[in-house]
Amino acid sequence: MDSRQYRIVVAGRLSERLGSAFRDVRLERQAGRTVLRGDQGETRLDSVLTRLTDLGIEPIEVDSHD
């Protein structure tokens, strides 16, 4: 299993409805932004980024680490 973790920050707070599009990702709603966290072994980073793009949501920060 790949142990790499990723973190994606988007502007604004994703609603419950939009958040439901990311079932395999942990969402942290903060003031003025939402942080999406996940494991590349469970959900691939590129598929999450594609889903965000498809929904018209632009990431403002993306990083991954072990």
PDB file of N, CA and C in Angstrom:
ATOM      1  N   MET A   1       0.838  -1.201   0.000  1.00  0.00           N
ATOM      2  CA  MET A   1       0.000   0.000   0.000  1.00  0.00           C
ATOM      3  C   MET A   1       0.868   1.243   0.000  1.00  0.00           C
ATOM      4  N   ASP A   2       0.529   2.193  -0.800  1.00  0.00           N
ATOM      5  CA  ASP A   2       1.252   3.453  -0.888  1.00  0.00           C
ATOM      6  C   ASP A   2       0.944   4.278   0.352  1.00  0.00           C
ATOM      7  N   SER A   3       2.006   4.753   1.039  1.00  0.00           N
ATOM      8  CA  SER A   3       1.790   5.497   2.279  1.00  0.00           C
ATOM      9  C   SER A   3       1.787   7.006   2.070  1.00  0.00           C
ATOM     10  N   ARG A   4       1.867   7.446   0.824  1.00  0.00           N
ATOM     11  CA  ARG A   4       1.875   8.881   0.578  1.00  0.00           C
ATOM     12  C   ARG A   4       0.505   9.489   0.870  1.00  0.00           C
ATOM     13  N   GLN A   5       0.538  10.612   1.535  1.00  0.00           N
ATOM     14  CA  GLN A   5      -0.665  11.377   1.872  1.00  0.00           C
ATOM     15  C   GLN A   5      -0.683  12.630   1.005  1.00  0.00           C
ATOM     16  N   TYR A   6      -1.869  13.134   0.723  1.00  0.00           N
ATOM     17  CA  TYR A   6      -1.945  14.395   0.001  1.00  0.00           C
ATOM     18  C   TYR A   6      -2.882  15.343   0.726  1.00  0.00           C
ATOM     19  N   ARG A   7      -2.682  16.630   0.427  1.00  0.00           N
ATOM     20  CA  ARG A   7      -3.502  17.702   1.002  1.00  0.00           C
ATOM     21  C   ARG A   7      -3.777  18.698  -0.103  1.00  0.00           C
ATOM     22  N   ILE A   8      -5.059  19.026  -0.277  1.00  0.00           N
ATOM     23  CA  ILE A   8      -5.487  19.991  -1.287  1.00  0.00           C
ATOM     24  C   ILE A   8      -6.287  21.072  -0.567  1.00  0.00           C
ATOM     25  N   VAL A   9      -5.951  22.320  -0.821  1.00  0.00           N
ATOM     26  CA  VAL A   9      -6.672  23.440  -0.222  1.00  0.00           C
ATOM     27  C   VAL A   9      -7.437  24.152  -1.332  1.00  0.00           C
ATOM     28  N   VAL A  10      -8.723  24.401  -1.089  1.00  0.00           N
ATOM     29  CA  VAL A  10      -9.543  25.159  -2.026  1.00  0.00           C
ATOM     30  C   VAL A  10     -10.138  26.357  -1.297  1.00  0.00           C
ATOM     31  N   ALA A  11     -10.373  27.418  -2.046  1.00  0.00           N
ATOM     32  CA  ALA A  11     -10.969  28.615  -1.457  1.00  0.00           C
ATOM     33  C   ALA A  11     -12.432  28.343  -1.150  1.00  0.00           C
ATOM     34  N   GLY A  12     -12.900  28.860  -0.053  1.00  0.00           N
ATOM     35  CA  GLY A  12     -14.299  28.716   0.341  1.00  0.00           C
ATOM     36  C   GLY A  12     -14.560  27.418   1.085  1.00  0.00           C
ATOM     37  N   ARG A  13     -15.727  27.354   1.657  1.00  0.00           N
ATOM     38  CA  ARG A  13     -16.141  26.152   2.401  1.00  0.00           C
ATOM     39  C   ARG A  13     -17.050  25.325   1.503  1.00  0.00           C
ATOM     40  N   LEU A  14     -16.608  24.102   1.178  1.00  0.00           N
ATOM     41  CA  LEU A  14     -17.438  23.234   0.350  1.00  0.00           C
ATOM     42  C   LEU A  14     -18.683  22.842   1.121  1.00  0.00           C
ATOM     43  N   SER A  15     -19.816  22.916   0.464  1.00  0.00           N
ATOM     44  CA  SER A  15     -21.079  22.528   1.097  1.00  0.00           C
ATOM     45  C   SER A  15     -21.100  21.015   1.323  1.00  0.00           C
ATOM     46  N   GLU A  16     -22.048  20.563   2.113  1.00  0.00           N
ATOM     47  CA  GLU A  16     -22.227  19.125   2.333  1.00  0.00           C
ATOM     48  C   GLU A  16     -22.468  18.419   1.003  1.00  0.00           C
ATOM     49  N   ARG A  17     -23.262  19.049   0.146  1.00  0.00           N
ATOM     50  CA  ARG A  17     -23.580  18.440  -1.151  1.00  0.00           C
ATOM     51  C   ARG A  17     -22.327  18.278  -2.011  1.00  0.00           C
ATOM     52  N   LEU A  18     -21.520  19.344  -2.125  1.00  0.00           N
ATOM     53  CA  LEU A  18     -20.280  19.230  -2.894  1.00  0.00           C
ATOM     54  C   LEU A  18     -19.305  18.276  -2.212  1.00  0.00           C
ATOM     55  N   GLY A  19     -19.247  18.327  -0.905  1.00  0.00           N
ATOM     56  CA  GLY A  19     -18.354  17.449  -0.159  1.00  0.00           C
ATOM     57  C   GLY A  19     -18.672  15.985  -0.372  1.00  0.00           C
ATOM     58  N   SER A  20     -19.935  15.667  -0.647  1.00  0.00           N
ATOM     59  CA  SER A  20     -20.326  14.272  -0.856  1.00  0.00           C
ATOM     60  C   SER A  20     -19.709  13.695  -2.135  1.00  0.00           C
ATOM     61  N   ALA A  21     -19.202  14.539  -3.019  1.00  0.00           N
ATOM     62  CA  ALA A  21     -18.519  14.069  -4.228  1.00  0.00           C
ATOM     63  C   ALA A  21     -17.137  13.512  -3.912  1.00  0.00           C
ATOM     64  N   PHE A  22     -16.701  13.687  -2.673  1.00  0.00           N
ATOM     65  CA  PHE A  22     -15.366  13.259  -2.254  1.00  0.00           C
ATOM     66  C   PHE A  22     -15.469  12.312  -1.060  1.00  0.00           C
ATOM     67  N   ARG A  23     -16.165  11.213  -1.232  1.00  0.00           N
ATOM     68  CA  ARG A  23     -16.426  10.281  -0.133  1.00  0.00           C
ATOM     69  C   ARG A  23     -15.175   9.673   0.483  1.00  0.00           C
ATOM     70  N   ASP A  24     -14.146   9.407  -0.318  1.00  0.00           N
ATOM     71  CA  ASP A  24     -12.938   8.760   0.185  1.00  0.00           C
ATOM     72  C   ASP A  24     -11.896   9.749   0.688  1.00  0.00           C
ATOM     73  N   VAL A  25     -12.287  11.007   0.825  1.00  0.00           N
ATOM     74  CA  VAL A  25     -11.375  12.074   1.223  1.00  0.00           C
ATOM     75  C   VAL A  25     -11.905  12.709   2.508  1.00  0.00           C
ATOM     76  N   ARG A  26     -11.002  13.049   3.411  1.00  0.00           N
ATOM     77  CA  ARG A  26     -11.391  13.755   4.639  1.00  0.00           C
ATOM     78  C   ARG A  26     -11.442  15.252   4.335  1.00  0.00           C
ATOM     79  N   LEU A  27     -12.550  15.890   4.681  1.00  0.00           N
ATOM     80  CA  LEU A  27     -12.702  17.326   4.471  1.00  0.00           C
ATOM     81  C   LEU A  27     -12.613  18.045   5.799  1.00  0.00           C
ATOM     82  N   GLU A  28     -11.852  19.117   5.822  1.00  0.00           N
ATOM     83  CA  GLU A  28     -11.744  19.982   6.993  1.00  0.00           C
ATOM     84  C   GLU A  28     -12.207  21.363   6.562  1.00  0.00           C
ATOM     85  N   ARG A  29     -13.381  21.735   6.985  1.00  0.00           N
ATOM     86  CA  ARG A  29     -13.912  23.057   6.630  1.00  0.00           C
ATOM     87  C   ARG A  29     -13.383  24.071   7.635  1.00  0.00           C
ATOM     88  N   GLN A  30     -12.695  25.077   7.111  1.00  0.00           N
ATOM     89  CA  GLN A  30     -12.098  26.119   7.937  1.00  0.00           C
ATOM     90  C   GLN A  30     -12.625  27.465   7.460  1.00  0.00           C
ATOM     91  N   ALA A  31     -12.311  28.496   8.183  1.00  0.00           N
ATOM     92  CA  ALA A  31     -12.766  29.834   7.800  1.00  0.00           C
ATOM     93  C   ALA A  31     -12.210  30.190   6.430  1.00  0.00           C
ATOM     94  N   GLY A  32     -13.093  30.332   5.448  1.00  0.00           N
ATOM     95  CA  GLY A  32     -12.697  30.777   4.125  1.00  0.00           C
ATOM     96  C   GLY A  32     -12.036  29.747   3.229  1.00  0.00           C
ATOM     97  N   ARG A  33     -11.919  28.502   3.703  1.00  0.00           N
ATOM     98  CA  ARG A  33     -11.292  27.486   2.863  1.00  0.00           C
ATOM     99  C   ARG A  33     -11.681  26.083   3.322  1.00  0.00           C
ATOM    100  N   THR A  34     -11.429  25.122   2.455  1.00  0.00           N
ATOM    101  CA  THR A  34     -11.650  23.713   2.780  1.00  0.00           C
ATOM    102  C   THR A  34     -10.377  22.959   2.445  1.00  0.00           C
ATOM    103  N   VAL A  35      -9.961  22.080   3.350  1.00  0.00           N
ATOM    104  CA  VAL A  35      -8.787  21.243   3.135  1.00  0.00           C
ATOM    105  C   VAL A  35      -9.271  19.818   2.900  1.00  0.00           C
ATOM    106  N   LEU A  36      -8.816  19.216   1.817  1.00  0.00           N
ATOM    107  CA  LEU A  36      -9.131  17.829   1.501  1.00  0.00           C
ATOM    108  C   LEU A  36      -7.865  17.015   1.738  1.00  0.00           C
ATOM    109  N   ARG A  37      -7.975  15.932   2.495  1.00  0.00           N
ATOM    110  CA  ARG A  37      -6.829  15.072   2.797  1.00  0.00           C
ATOM    111  C   ARG A  37      -7.158  13.641   2.430  1.00  0.00           C
ATOM    112  N   GLY A  38      -6.171  12.936   1.912  1.00  0.00           N
ATOM    113  CA  GLY A  38      -6.400  11.548   1.558  1.00  0.00           C
ATOM    114  C   GLY A  38      -5.111  10.782   1.402  1.00  0.00           C
ATOM    115  N   ASP A  39      -5.257   9.487   1.209  1.00  0.00           N
ATOM    116  CA  ASP A  39      -4.145   8.578   0.967  1.00  0.00           C
ATOM    117  C   ASP A  39      -4.138   8.224  -0.508  1.00  0.00           C
ATOM    118  N   GLN A  40      -2.987   8.271  -1.117  1.00  0.00           N
ATOM    119  CA  GLN A  40      -2.930   7.924  -2.533  1.00  0.00           C
ATOM    120  C   GLN A  40      -3.242   6.454  -2.746  1.00  0.00           C
ATOM    121  N   GLY A  41      -3.053   5.615  -1.736  1.00  0.00           N
ATOM    122  CA  GLY A  41      -3.400   4.207  -1.865  1.00  0.00           C
ATOM    123  C   GLY A  41      -4.897   3.991  -1.960  1.00  0.00           C
ATOM    124  N   GLU A  42      -5.704   4.857  -1.352  1.00  0.00           N
ATOM    125  CA  GLU A  42      -7.162   4.723  -1.363  1.00  0.00           C
ATOM    126  C   GLU A  42      -7.787   5.510  -2.506  1.00  0.00           C
ATOM    127  N   THR A  43      -7.405   6.745  -2.626  1.00  0.00           N
ATOM    128  CA  THR A  43      -7.952   7.614  -3.669  1.00  0.00           C
ATOM    129  C   THR A  43      -6.786   8.347  -4.298  1.00  0.00           C
ATOM    130  N   ARG A  44      -6.650   8.217  -5.577  1.00  0.00           N
ATOM    131  CA  ARG A  44      -5.513   8.834  -6.260  1.00  0.00           C
ATOM    132  C   ARG A  44      -5.685  10.343  -6.346  1.00  0.00           C
ATOM    133  N   LEU A  45      -4.584  11.018  -6.125  1.00  0.00           N
ATOM    134  CA  LEU A  45      -4.572  12.481  -6.157  1.00  0.00           C
ATOM    135  C   LEU A  45      -5.102  13.019  -7.486  1.00  0.00           C
ATOM    136  N   ASP A  46      -4.680  12.434  -8.589  1.00  0.00           N
ATOM    137  CA  ASP A  46      -5.110  12.968  -9.884  1.00  0.00           C
ATOM    138  C   ASP A  46      -6.616  12.850 -10.085  1.00  0.00           C
ATOM    139  N   SER A  47      -7.239  11.803  -9.558  1.00  0.00           N
ATOM    140  CA  SER A  47      -8.693  11.680  -9.720  1.00  0.00           C
ATOM    141  C   SER A  47      -9.432  12.726  -8.891  1.00  0.00           C
ATOM    142  N   VAL A  48      -8.903  13.071  -7.726  1.00  0.00           N
ATOM    143  CA  VAL A  48      -9.527  14.113  -6.902  1.00  0.00           C
ATOM    144  C   VAL A  48      -9.376  15.467  -7.591  1.00  0.00           C
ATOM    145  N   LEU A  49      -8.195  15.736  -8.144  1.00  0.00           N
ATOM    146  CA  LEU A  49      -7.988  17.001  -8.842  1.00  0.00           C
ATOM    147  C   LEU A  49      -8.887  17.108 -10.073  1.00  0.00           C
ATOM    148  N   THR A  50      -9.065  16.004 -10.774  1.00  0.00           N
ATOM    149  CA  THR A  50      -9.967  16.001 -11.936  1.00  0.00           C
ATOM    150  C   THR A  50     -11.391  16.272 -11.505  1.00  0.00           C
ATOM    151  N   ARG A  51     -11.825  15.651 -10.414  1.00  0.00           N
ATOM    152  CA  ARG A  51     -13.179  15.864  -9.913  1.00  0.00           C
ATOM    153  C   ARG A  51     -13.388  17.328  -9.520  1.00  0.00           C
ATOM    154  N   LEU A  52     -12.394  17.926  -8.854  1.00  0.00           N
ATOM    155  CA  LEU A  52     -12.486  19.348  -8.503  1.00  0.00           C
ATOM    156  C   LEU A  52     -12.641  20.205  -9.755  1.00  0.00           C
ATOM    157  N   THR A  53     -11.815  19.933 -10.756  1.00  0.00           N
ATOM    158  CA  THR A  53     -11.872  20.689 -12.011  1.00  0.00           C
ATOM    159  C   THR A  53     -13.236  20.536 -12.675  1.00  0.00           C
ATOM    160  N   ASP A  54     -13.743  19.305 -12.700  1.00  0.00           N
ATOM    161  CA  ASP A  54     -15.054  19.055 -13.299  1.00  0.00           C
ATOM    162  C   ASP A  54     -16.155  19.848 -12.601  1.00  0.00           C
ATOM    163  N   LEU A  55     -15.985  20.097 -11.301  1.00  0.00           N
ATOM    164  CA  LEU A  55     -16.974  20.850 -10.532  1.00  0.00           C
ATOM    165  C   LEU A  55     -16.715  22.364 -10.558  1.00  0.00           C
ATOM    166  N   GLY A  56     -15.654  22.772 -11.263  1.00  0.00           N
ATOM    167  CA  GLY A  56     -15.337  24.193 -11.365  1.00  0.00           C
ATOM    168  C   GLY A  56     -14.671  24.755 -10.124  1.00  0.00           C
ATOM    169  N   ILE A  57     -14.001  23.887  -9.351  1.00  0.00           N
ATOM    170  CA  ILE A  57     -13.332  24.300  -8.119  1.00  0.00           C
ATOM    171  C   ILE A  57     -11.835  24.283  -8.363  1.00  0.00           C
ATOM    172  N   GLU A  58     -11.195  25.427  -8.143  1.00  0.00           N
ATOM    173  CA  GLU A  58      -9.753  25.536  -8.401  1.00  0.00           C
ATOM    174  C   GLU A  58      -8.963  25.398  -7.098  1.00  0.00           C
ATOM    175  N   PRO A  59      -8.054  24.427  -7.029  1.00  0.00           N
ATOM    176  CA  PRO A  59      -7.198  24.306  -5.851  1.00  0.00           C
ATOM    177  C   PRO A  59      -6.272  25.507  -5.742  1.00  0.00           C
ATOM    178  N   ILE A  60      -6.036  25.963  -4.523  1.00  0.00           N
ATOM    179  CA  ILE A  60      -5.086  27.052  -4.320  1.00  0.00           C
ATOM    180  C   ILE A  60      -3.763  26.536  -3.764  1.00  0.00           C
ATOM    181  N   GLU A  61      -3.767  25.263  -3.308  1.00  0.00           N
ATOM    182  CA  GLU A  61      -2.535  24.658  -2.790  1.00  0.00           C
ATOM    183  C   GLU A  61      -2.680  23.145  -2.868  1.00  0.00           C
ATOM    184  N   VAL A  62      -1.627  22.462  -3.298  1.00  0.00           N
ATOM    185  CA  VAL A  62      -1.605  21.001  -3.376  1.00  0.00           C
ATOM    186  C   VAL A  62      -0.245  20.537  -2.912  1.00  0.00           C
ATOM    187  N   ASP A  63      -0.215  19.555  -2.008  1.00  0.00           N
ATOM    188  CA  ASP A  63       1.057  18.939  -1.649  1.00  0.00           C
ATOM    189  C   ASP A  63       0.848  17.488  -1.251  1.00  0.00           C
ATOM    190  N   SER A  64       1.925  16.717  -1.334  1.00  0.00           N
ATOM    191  CA  SER A  64       1.867  15.317  -0.915  1.00  0.00           C
ATOM    192  C   SER A  64       3.150  15.012  -0.166  1.00  0.00           C
ATOM    193  N   HIS A  65       3.048  14.041   0.730  1.00  0.00           N
ATOM    194  CA  HIS A  65       4.200  13.685   1.570  1.00  0.00           C
ATOM    195  C   HIS A  65       4.030  12.269   2.081  1.00  0.00           C
ATOM    196  N   ASP A  66       5.119  11.702   2.589  1.00  0.00           N
ATOM    197  CA  ASP A  66       5.076  10.351   3.180  1.00  0.00           C
ATOM    198  C   ASP A  66       4.546  10.414   4.580  1.00  0.00           C
TER     199      ASP A  66
END
